[in-house]
Structure formats: structure tokens, C-alpha cells
């Protein structure tokens, strides 16, 4: 598959692109999967994800792990980065942020399978972990554990 046909519709890669003000404004882009027909797992890790508490405006922090088995499409990583950055000034609960990200990726990519783990740092002394996936992982594809331990304080 020629590079110009894979990358010709991208608008952000290789160009100046501002961080979107809101997740709704973010443009997620996809490219054709040059290995379509081969089942494999793609993982994105965002260990410094931030959003805002919708009630207090205080910052919330999470370690996100996104795994997917692509079908015909791959997410373009710069557009994913900008999408995730757009949550920095977005007020939403942990559950909403995590599931919204998963659903946007599913809508864009139509993957064979996707899961996202949102490992949120404590708010009010309670850590919240949020998990979303599209179904059971296919048995014939290696999908490693996400490897993020549940939150432990000191000790």
C-alpha cells in the first residue's frame, strides 16, 4: 500500500495543530491498516492523563491504557494525543472520561476488539478505576495484562 494513499487524508500529522478546547472539538484521524487481515494488539499508554472535576474544577489524574485489535483502521497517534490533551480543561467524572474515550475510538476505528483501563489517582481519598471493553478478547490474539496495579498508598 503506497504511503500517499495511507497518509493523504491526515490533517494534523506533520503540521502545527493546536490542542482542542474540548473533547467534542478534537479531530481523531485514522489510517488504513497496512496489516489488515493479521490479528494483533495495539497498545497506547497515557500515564499522565488529566481532566477536571466537574464540581470543584480541581485537576484529576489518571494512567490510561488503551488496547485494541485493529480491523481495517489504525488511529493516528498525534490525533489521539491531541484528543487526550483536550480533556485537560474538560470537567467530567472519571467514568465519563474513560468511557467517552473508548466509545470515540470504537466509533472511529470499528476495531475487532477494544478495551480501555482508566486507573485514576485518589479523589477524596478514594481511587477510582474504570474499565470499558467491547466484548471478550479473541482467544487467538495475545492481549497482555495492562500491568497497572491497583492504587496503593505509602507502605
C-alpha atoms as a PDB file:
ATOM      1  CA  UNK A   1       0.000   0.000   0.000  1.00  0.00           C
ATOM      2  CA  UNK A   2       1.547   3.321  -1.026  1.00  0.00           C
ATOM      3  CA  UNK A   3       2.250   5.865   1.695  1.00  0.00           C
ATOM      4  CA  UNK A   4       0.464   8.653  -0.118  1.00  0.00           C
ATOM      5  CA  UNK A   5      -2.781   6.679  -0.039  1.00  0.00           C
ATOM      6  CA  UNK A   6      -2.382   5.767   3.641  1.00  0.00           C
ATOM      7  CA  UNK A   7      -1.497   9.260   4.828  1.00  0.00           C
ATOM      8  CA  UNK A   8      -3.073  11.546   2.244  1.00  0.00           C
ATOM      9  CA  UNK A   9      -6.143  12.444   4.319  1.00  0.00           C
ATOM     10  CA  UNK A  10      -4.309  13.300   7.547  1.00  0.00           C
ATOM     11  CA  UNK A  11      -4.588  16.931   8.584  1.00  0.00           C
ATOM     12  CA  UNK A  12      -2.599  17.062  11.838  1.00  0.00           C
ATOM     13  CA  UNK A  13       0.468  14.852  11.367  1.00  0.00           C
ATOM     14  CA  UNK A  14       3.429  16.919  10.192  1.00  0.00           C
ATOM     15  CA  UNK A  15       1.533  20.167  10.741  1.00  0.00           C
ATOM     16  CA  UNK A  16       1.052  22.607  13.566  1.00  0.00           C
ATOM     17  CA  UNK A  17      -2.050  21.537  15.447  1.00  0.00           C
ATOM     18  CA  UNK A  18      -3.455  23.271  18.498  1.00  0.00           C
ATOM     19  CA  UNK A  19      -4.809  21.384  21.469  1.00  0.00           C
ATOM     20  CA  UNK A  20      -8.593  21.311  21.066  1.00  0.00           C
ATOM     21  CA  UNK A  21     -10.502  23.283  23.702  1.00  0.00           C
ATOM     22  CA  UNK A  22     -12.964  20.434  24.284  1.00  0.00           C
ATOM     23  CA  UNK A  23     -13.033  16.703  23.525  1.00  0.00           C
ATOM     24  CA  UNK A  24     -16.010  17.314  21.244  1.00  0.00           C
ATOM     25  CA  UNK A  25     -13.820  19.588  19.116  1.00  0.00           C
ATOM     26  CA  UNK A  26     -10.979  17.080  18.775  1.00  0.00           C
ATOM     27  CA  UNK A  27     -10.481  15.501  15.374  1.00  0.00           C
ATOM     28  CA  UNK A  28      -9.484  11.859  15.686  1.00  0.00           C
ATOM     29  CA  UNK A  29      -7.904  10.615  12.487  1.00  0.00           C
ATOM     30  CA  UNK A  30      -7.406   7.109  11.172  1.00  0.00           C
ATOM     31  CA  UNK A  31      -5.201   5.459   8.599  1.00  0.00           C
ATOM     32  CA  UNK A  32      -5.661   2.255   6.672  1.00  0.00           C
ATOM     33  CA  UNK A  33      -4.194  -0.734   8.483  1.00  0.00           C
ATOM     34  CA  UNK A  34      -1.341  -1.974   6.266  1.00  0.00           C
ATOM     35  CA  UNK A  35      -1.569  -5.329   8.107  1.00  0.00           C
ATOM     36  CA  UNK A  36      -5.340  -5.738   7.731  1.00  0.00           C
ATOM     37  CA  UNK A  37      -6.194  -9.411   7.937  1.00  0.00           C
ATOM     38  CA  UNK A  38      -3.465 -10.050  10.515  1.00  0.00           C
ATOM     39  CA  UNK A  39      -4.759 -10.097  14.062  1.00  0.00           C
ATOM     40  CA  UNK A  40      -2.533  -8.250  16.521  1.00  0.00           C
ATOM     41  CA  UNK A  41      -2.869  -5.970  19.533  1.00  0.00           C
ATOM     42  CA  UNK A  42      -2.020  -2.266  19.629  1.00  0.00           C
ATOM     43  CA  UNK A  43      -1.458  -0.565  22.997  1.00  0.00           C
ATOM     44  CA  UNK A  44      -1.366   3.129  23.868  1.00  0.00           C
ATOM     45  CA  UNK A  45      -0.374   4.169  27.370  1.00  0.00           C
ATOM     46  CA  UNK A  46      -1.054   7.660  28.708  1.00  0.00           C
ATOM     47  CA  UNK A  47       0.453   7.739  32.219  1.00  0.00           C
ATOM     48  CA  UNK A  48      -0.164  11.464  32.738  1.00  0.00           C
ATOM     49  CA  UNK A  49      -3.767  11.907  31.588  1.00  0.00           C
ATOM     50  CA  UNK A  50      -5.539  14.874  33.174  1.00  0.00           C
ATOM     51  CA  UNK A  51      -9.065  16.228  33.319  1.00  0.00           C
ATOM     52  CA  UNK A  52     -11.034  18.403  35.733  1.00  0.00           C
ATOM     53  CA  UNK A  53     -13.551  17.538  38.415  1.00  0.00           C
ATOM     54  CA  UNK A  54     -16.855  18.914  37.090  1.00  0.00           C
ATOM     55  CA  UNK A  55     -17.895  20.053  40.569  1.00  0.00           C
ATOM     56  CA  UNK A  56     -14.752  21.638  42.002  1.00  0.00           C
ATOM     57  CA  UNK A  57     -12.610  22.363  38.950  1.00  0.00           C
ATOM     58  CA  UNK A  58      -9.727  20.577  40.672  1.00  0.00           C
ATOM     59  CA  UNK A  59      -7.422  18.548  38.416  1.00  0.00           C
ATOM     60  CA  UNK A  60      -7.820  14.779  38.221  1.00  0.00           C
ATOM     61  CA  UNK A  61      -5.027  12.471  37.103  1.00  0.00           C
ATOM     62  CA  UNK A  62      -5.106   9.023  35.558  1.00  0.00           C
ATOM     63  CA  UNK A  63      -2.944   6.394  33.953  1.00  0.00           C
ATOM     64  CA  UNK A  64      -4.814   5.229  30.840  1.00  0.00           C
ATOM     65  CA  UNK A  65      -4.097   2.027  28.945  1.00  0.00           C
ATOM     66  CA  UNK A  66      -5.866   1.543  25.612  1.00  0.00           C
ATOM     67  CA  UNK A  67      -5.631  -1.834  23.864  1.00  0.00           C
ATOM     68  CA  UNK A  68      -7.266  -2.679  20.567  1.00  0.00           C
ATOM     69  CA  UNK A  69      -7.191  -5.289  17.853  1.00  0.00           C
ATOM     70  CA  UNK A  70      -7.472  -3.347  14.614  1.00  0.00           C
ATOM     71  CA  UNK A  71      -9.605  -4.292  11.688  1.00  0.00           C
ATOM     72  CA  UNK A  72      -9.236  -2.048   8.652  1.00  0.00           C
ATOM     73  CA  UNK A  73      -8.147   1.075  10.553  1.00  0.00           C
ATOM     74  CA  UNK A  74      -5.447   2.359  12.898  1.00  0.00           C
ATOM     75  CA  UNK A  75      -5.762   5.515  14.968  1.00  0.00           C
ATOM     76  CA  UNK A  76      -3.224   8.163  14.005  1.00  0.00           C
ATOM     77  CA  UNK A  77      -1.240   8.711  17.196  1.00  0.00           C
ATOM     78  CA  UNK A  78      -0.837  12.511  17.021  1.00  0.00           C
ATOM     79  CA  UNK A  79      -4.593  12.930  16.698  1.00  0.00           C
ATOM     80  CA  UNK A  80      -5.057  10.577  19.665  1.00  0.00           C
ATOM     81  CA  UNK A  81      -2.574  12.618  21.704  1.00  0.00           C
ATOM     82  CA  UNK A  82      -4.414  15.857  20.903  1.00  0.00           C
ATOM     83  CA  UNK A  83      -7.758  14.214  21.729  1.00  0.00           C
ATOM     84  CA  UNK A  84      -6.448  13.081  25.110  1.00  0.00           C
ATOM     85  CA  UNK A  85      -4.920  16.524  25.759  1.00  0.00           C
ATOM     86  CA  UNK A  86      -8.335  18.109  25.104  1.00  0.00           C
ATOM     87  CA  UNK A  87      -9.545  16.681  28.410  1.00  0.00           C
ATOM     88  CA  UNK A  88      -7.128  18.916  30.371  1.00  0.00           C
ATOM     89  CA  UNK A  89      -9.735  21.648  30.765  1.00  0.00           C
ATOM     90  CA  UNK A  90     -12.775  19.387  30.492  1.00  0.00           C
ATOM     91  CA  UNK A  91     -14.938  18.816  33.546  1.00  0.00           C
ATOM     92  CA  UNK A  92     -16.265  15.256  33.765  1.00  0.00           C
ATOM     93  CA  UNK A  93     -16.287  12.371  36.194  1.00  0.00           C
ATOM     94  CA  UNK A  94     -13.707   9.617  35.805  1.00  0.00           C
ATOM     95  CA  UNK A  95     -16.279   7.184  34.456  1.00  0.00           C
ATOM     96  CA  UNK A  96     -17.435   9.598  31.758  1.00  0.00           C
ATOM     97  CA  UNK A  97     -13.913  10.456  30.604  1.00  0.00           C
ATOM     98  CA  UNK A  98     -12.808   6.833  30.362  1.00  0.00           C
ATOM     99  CA  UNK A  99     -15.902   5.506  28.591  1.00  0.00           C
ATOM    100  CA  UNK A 100     -16.100   8.523  26.249  1.00  0.00           C
ATOM    101  CA  UNK A 101     -12.552   7.871  25.052  1.00  0.00           C
ATOM    102  CA  UNK A 102     -13.313   4.199  24.466  1.00  0.00           C
ATOM    103  CA  UNK A 103     -16.536   4.895  22.585  1.00  0.00           C
ATOM    104  CA  UNK A 104     -14.965   7.571  20.360  1.00  0.00           C
ATOM    105  CA  UNK A 105     -12.232   5.143  19.355  1.00  0.00           C
ATOM    106  CA  UNK A 106     -14.724   2.368  18.653  1.00  0.00           C
ATOM    107  CA  UNK A 107     -16.811   4.726  16.519  1.00  0.00           C
ATOM    108  CA  UNK A 108     -13.754   5.836  14.547  1.00  0.00           C
ATOM    109  CA  UNK A 109     -11.940   2.542  14.125  1.00  0.00           C
ATOM    110  CA  UNK A 110     -14.580  -0.183  14.192  1.00  0.00           C
ATOM    111  CA  UNK A 111     -11.943  -2.438  15.766  1.00  0.00           C
ATOM    112  CA  UNK A 112     -12.238  -6.172  16.183  1.00  0.00           C
ATOM    113  CA  UNK A 113     -11.903  -5.524  19.917  1.00  0.00           C
ATOM    114  CA  UNK A 114     -11.030  -2.612  22.222  1.00  0.00           C
ATOM    115  CA  UNK A 115     -10.570  -2.056  25.924  1.00  0.00           C
ATOM    116  CA  UNK A 116      -9.528   0.919  27.991  1.00  0.00           C
ATOM    117  CA  UNK A 117      -8.421   0.902  31.594  1.00  0.00           C
ATOM    118  CA  UNK A 118      -8.604   4.207  33.446  1.00  0.00           C
ATOM    119  CA  UNK A 119      -6.530   3.970  36.624  1.00  0.00           C
ATOM    120  CA  UNK A 120      -7.409   7.194  38.424  1.00  0.00           C
ATOM    121  CA  UNK A 121      -5.461   8.603  41.325  1.00  0.00           C
ATOM    122  CA  UNK A 122      -7.369   9.242  44.562  1.00  0.00           C
ATOM    123  CA  UNK A 123     -10.002  11.928  44.780  1.00  0.00           C
ATOM    124  CA  UNK A 124     -11.278  12.495  48.290  1.00  0.00           C
ATOM    125  CA  UNK A 125      -9.042   9.650  49.451  1.00  0.00           C
ATOM    126  CA  UNK A 126     -10.655   7.082  47.120  1.00  0.00           C
ATOM    127  CA  UNK A 127      -9.014   5.901  43.896  1.00  0.00           C
ATOM    128  CA  UNK A 128     -11.418   5.032  41.106  1.00  0.00           C
ATOM    129  CA  UNK A 129     -10.542   2.568  38.347  1.00  0.00           C
ATOM    130  CA  UNK A 130     -12.803   2.471  35.283  1.00  0.00           C
ATOM    131  CA  UNK A 131     -12.782  -0.252  32.620  1.00  0.00           C
ATOM    132  CA  UNK A 132     -14.607  -0.424  29.295  1.00  0.00           C
ATOM    133  CA  UNK A 133     -14.350  -3.021  26.566  1.00  0.00           C
ATOM    134  CA  UNK A 134     -16.326  -4.091  23.550  1.00  0.00           C
ATOM    135  CA  UNK A 135     -16.587  -7.783  24.480  1.00  0.00           C
ATOM    136  CA  UNK A 136     -14.386 -10.738  25.242  1.00  0.00           C
ATOM    137  CA  UNK A 137     -10.891 -10.591  23.812  1.00  0.00           C
ATOM    138  CA  UNK A 138     -10.411 -13.014  20.926  1.00  0.00           C
ATOM    139  CA  UNK A 139      -8.666 -16.175  22.105  1.00  0.00           C
ATOM    140  CA  UNK A 140      -6.290 -16.288  19.122  1.00  0.00           C
ATOM    141  CA  UNK A 141      -4.608 -12.915  19.776  1.00  0.00           C
ATOM    142  CA  UNK A 142      -2.097 -12.195  22.528  1.00  0.00           C
ATOM    143  CA  UNK A 143      -3.503  -9.446  24.718  1.00  0.00           C
ATOM    144  CA  UNK A 144      -1.142  -8.796  27.634  1.00  0.00           C
ATOM    145  CA  UNK A 145      -2.379  -7.751  31.038  1.00  0.00           C
ATOM    146  CA  UNK A 146      -2.422  -3.995  31.411  1.00  0.00           C
ATOM    147  CA  UNK A 147       0.139  -4.221  34.198  1.00  0.00           C
ATOM    148  CA  UNK A 148      -1.147  -1.313  36.249  1.00  0.00           C
ATOM    149  CA  UNK A 149      -1.510  -2.327  39.887  1.00  0.00           C
ATOM    150  CA  UNK A 150      -4.435  -1.107  41.896  1.00  0.00           C
ATOM    151  CA  UNK A 151      -3.640   2.014  43.858  1.00  0.00           C
ATOM    152  CA  UNK A 152      -1.535   1.641  46.975  1.00  0.00           C
ATOM    153  CA  UNK A 153      -0.637   4.469  49.242  1.00  0.00           C
ATOM    154  CA  UNK A 154       2.632   4.535  51.048  1.00  0.00           C
ATOM    155  CA  UNK A 155       3.837   1.326  52.572  1.00  0.00           C
END
